[in-house]
Amino acid sequence: MFGLGAGEILIILIIAFLLFGPKELPEVGRQVGKAIKGFKDTADDLRKSVEPELNLIQQEVKMVEQDLQASLKEAEEELTAEPKSGEAGPSSLPKSGPA
């Protein structure tokens, strides 16, 4: 729990008992419990409101990635394709020989 061992927790409880006394300690415990519950509820609400947005962003990133990969594949295919009959390619250039 919070990286505290049994010895540290015992020391904290003894100090709390000495500071607040036996009459106020239960009330302090209730207030701390309510504060922790409120923090957990707030964290859950935040998580519930942020997760859908994150999922939407992840879907958009995947779509963009797929589009980019498709474009790259298309460009690569165009670069590696044989030149068409009407286009000038390296094999259709006139050869210059000794004059």
C-alpha atoms as a PDB file:
ATOM      1  CA  MET A   1       0.000   0.000   0.000  1.00  0.00           C
ATOM      2  CA  PHE A   2       1.658   3.199  -1.245  1.00  0.00           C
ATOM      3  CA  GLY A   3       5.067   1.520  -0.866  1.00  0.00           C
ATOM      4  CA  LEU A   4       4.825   1.557   2.937  1.00  0.00           C
ATOM      5  CA  GLY A   5       5.678  -1.400   5.094  1.00  0.00           C
ATOM      6  CA  ALA A   6       3.873  -2.534   8.225  1.00  0.00           C
ATOM      7  CA  GLY A   7       6.376  -0.726  10.468  1.00  0.00           C
ATOM      8  CA  GLU A   8       5.889   2.623   8.733  1.00  0.00           C
ATOM      9  CA  ILE A   9       2.100   2.311   8.860  1.00  0.00           C
ATOM     10  CA  LEU A  10       2.234   1.479  12.575  1.00  0.00           C
ATOM     11  CA  ILE A  11       4.383   4.561  13.274  1.00  0.00           C
ATOM     12  CA  ILE A  12       1.969   6.768  11.315  1.00  0.00           C
ATOM     13  CA  LEU A  13      -1.000   5.375  13.263  1.00  0.00           C
ATOM     14  CA  ILE A  14       0.729   5.972  16.605  1.00  0.00           C
ATOM     15  CA  ILE A  15       1.567   9.565  15.651  1.00  0.00           C
ATOM     16  CA  ALA A  16      -2.026  10.134  14.446  1.00  0.00           C
ATOM     17  CA  PHE A  17      -3.348   8.710  17.727  1.00  0.00           C
ATOM     18  CA  LEU A  18      -1.079  11.036  19.716  1.00  0.00           C
ATOM     19  CA  LEU A  19      -1.992  14.095  17.626  1.00  0.00           C
ATOM     20  CA  PHE A  20      -5.758  13.643  17.442  1.00  0.00           C
ATOM     21  CA  GLY A  21      -6.546  11.528  20.483  1.00  0.00           C
ATOM     22  CA  PRO A  22      -9.035   8.700  20.782  1.00  0.00           C
ATOM     23  CA  LYS A  23     -12.105  10.938  20.402  1.00  0.00           C
ATOM     24  CA  GLU A  24     -11.148  12.692  17.153  1.00  0.00           C
ATOM     25  CA  LEU A  25      -9.307   9.807  15.448  1.00  0.00           C
ATOM     26  CA  PRO A  26     -12.467   8.023  14.149  1.00  0.00           C
ATOM     27  CA  GLU A  27     -13.730  11.273  12.611  1.00  0.00           C
ATOM     28  CA  VAL A  28     -10.360  11.941  10.999  1.00  0.00           C
ATOM     29  CA  GLY A  29     -10.403   8.387   9.625  1.00  0.00           C
ATOM     30  CA  ARG A  30     -13.854   8.924   8.121  1.00  0.00           C
ATOM     31  CA  GLN A  31     -12.761  12.185   6.512  1.00  0.00           C
ATOM     32  CA  VAL A  32      -9.662  10.551   5.037  1.00  0.00           C
ATOM     33  CA  GLY A  33     -11.785   7.668   3.744  1.00  0.00           C
ATOM     34  CA  LYS A  34     -14.249  10.064   2.124  1.00  0.00           C
ATOM     35  CA  ALA A  35     -11.393  12.004   0.544  1.00  0.00           C
ATOM     36  CA  ILE A  36      -9.861   8.824  -0.896  1.00  0.00           C
ATOM     37  CA  LYS A  37     -13.267   7.679  -2.203  1.00  0.00           C
ATOM     38  CA  GLY A  38     -13.820  11.097  -3.792  1.00  0.00           C
ATOM     39  CA  PHE A  39     -10.407  10.937  -5.426  1.00  0.00           C
ATOM     40  CA  LYS A  40     -11.117   7.452  -6.814  1.00  0.00           C
ATOM     41  CA  ASP A  41     -14.531   8.537  -8.123  1.00  0.00           C
ATOM     42  CA  THR A  42     -13.010  11.577  -9.813  1.00  0.00           C
ATOM     43  CA  ALA A  43     -10.259   9.444 -11.365  1.00  0.00           C
ATOM     44  CA  ASP A  44     -12.862   6.954 -12.666  1.00  0.00           C
ATOM     45  CA  ASP A  45     -14.984   9.751 -14.149  1.00  0.00           C
ATOM     46  CA  LEU A  46     -11.940  11.240 -15.829  1.00  0.00           C
ATOM     47  CA  ARG A  47     -10.932   7.847 -17.200  1.00  0.00           C
ATOM     48  CA  LYS A  48     -14.453   7.239 -18.528  1.00  0.00           C
ATOM     49  CA  SER A  49     -14.498  10.599 -20.305  1.00  0.00           C
ATOM     50  CA  VAL A  50     -10.975  10.327 -21.752  1.00  0.00           C
ATOM     51  CA  GLU A  51     -10.984   6.696 -22.948  1.00  0.00           C
ATOM     52  CA  PRO A  52     -13.535   7.199 -25.778  1.00  0.00           C
ATOM     53  CA  GLU A  53     -11.553  10.158 -27.071  1.00  0.00           C
ATOM     54  CA  LEU A  54      -8.344   8.138 -26.987  1.00  0.00           C
ATOM     55  CA  ASN A  55     -10.015   5.262 -28.825  1.00  0.00           C
ATOM     56  CA  LEU A  56     -11.256   7.662 -31.500  1.00  0.00           C
ATOM     57  CA  ILE A  57      -7.791   9.153 -31.928  1.00  0.00           C
ATOM     58  CA  GLN A  58      -6.237   5.676 -32.164  1.00  0.00           C
ATOM     59  CA  GLN A  59      -8.731   4.712 -34.898  1.00  0.00           C
ATOM     60  CA  GLU A  60      -7.932   7.874 -36.840  1.00  0.00           C
ATOM     61  CA  VAL A  61      -4.194   7.201 -36.539  1.00  0.00           C
ATOM     62  CA  LYS A  62      -4.692   3.639 -37.839  1.00  0.00           C
ATOM     63  CA  MET A  63      -6.683   4.941 -40.802  1.00  0.00           C
ATOM     64  CA  VAL A  64      -4.010   7.496 -41.639  1.00  0.00           C
ATOM     65  CA  GLU A  65      -1.327   4.832 -41.301  1.00  0.00           C
ATOM     66  CA  GLN A  66      -3.216   2.512 -43.673  1.00  0.00           C
ATOM     67  CA  ASP A  67      -3.685   5.333 -46.190  1.00  0.00           C
ATOM     68  CA  LEU A  68       0.018   6.187 -45.987  1.00  0.00           C
ATOM     69  CA  GLN A  69       1.035   2.564 -46.497  1.00  0.00           C
ATOM     70  CA  ALA A  70      -1.308   2.249 -49.479  1.00  0.00           C
ATOM     71  CA  SER A  71       0.097   5.447 -50.996  1.00  0.00           C
ATOM     72  CA  LEU A  72       3.659   4.291 -50.459  1.00  0.00           C
ATOM     73  CA  LYS A  73       2.904   0.910 -52.030  1.00  0.00           C
ATOM     74  CA  GLU A  74       1.239   2.595 -55.004  1.00  0.00           C
ATOM     75  CA  ALA A  75       4.183   4.959 -55.471  1.00  0.00           C
ATOM     76  CA  GLU A  76       6.626   2.068 -55.232  1.00  0.00           C
ATOM     77  CA  GLU A  77       4.671   0.102 -57.839  1.00  0.00           C
ATOM     78  CA  GLU A  78       4.685   3.107 -60.175  1.00  0.00           C
ATOM     79  CA  LEU A  79       8.446   3.513 -59.799  1.00  0.00           C
ATOM     80  CA  THR A  80       9.208  -0.151 -60.393  1.00  0.00           C
ATOM     81  CA  ALA A  81       6.706  -0.628 -63.261  1.00  0.00           C
ATOM     82  CA  GLU A  82       8.041  -1.110 -66.806  1.00  0.00           C
ATOM     83  CA  PRO A  83       7.873   2.031 -68.940  1.00  0.00           C
ATOM     84  CA  LYS A  84       4.889   2.024 -71.269  1.00  0.00           C
ATOM     85  CA  SER A  85       5.410   1.911 -75.029  1.00  0.00           C
ATOM     86  CA  GLY A  86       4.827   5.651 -75.530  1.00  0.00           C
ATOM     87  CA  GLU A  87       7.168   6.756 -72.743  1.00  0.00           C
ATOM     88  CA  ALA A  88      10.880   7.327 -73.074  1.00  0.00           C
ATOM     89  CA  GLY A  89      12.779   5.008 -70.822  1.00  0.00           C
ATOM     90  CA  PRO A  90      16.462   4.129 -70.463  1.00  0.00           C
ATOM     91  CA  SER A  91      16.218   1.450 -73.178  1.00  0.00           C
ATOM     92  CA  SER A  92      14.594   3.807 -75.727  1.00  0.00           C
ATOM     93  CA  LEU A  93      17.347   6.454 -75.585  1.00  0.00           C
ATOM     94  CA  PRO A  94      19.500   6.669 -78.691  1.00  0.00           C
ATOM     95  CA  LYS A  95      22.838   5.009 -78.240  1.00  0.00           C
ATOM     96  CA  SER A  96      25.825   7.099 -79.047  1.00  0.00           C
ATOM     97  CA  GLY A  97      28.703   5.248 -80.466  1.00  0.00           C
ATOM     98  CA  PRO A  98      32.041   6.261 -81.954  1.00  0.00           C
ATOM     99  CA  ALA A  99      31.560   8.909 -84.605  1.00  0.00           C
END
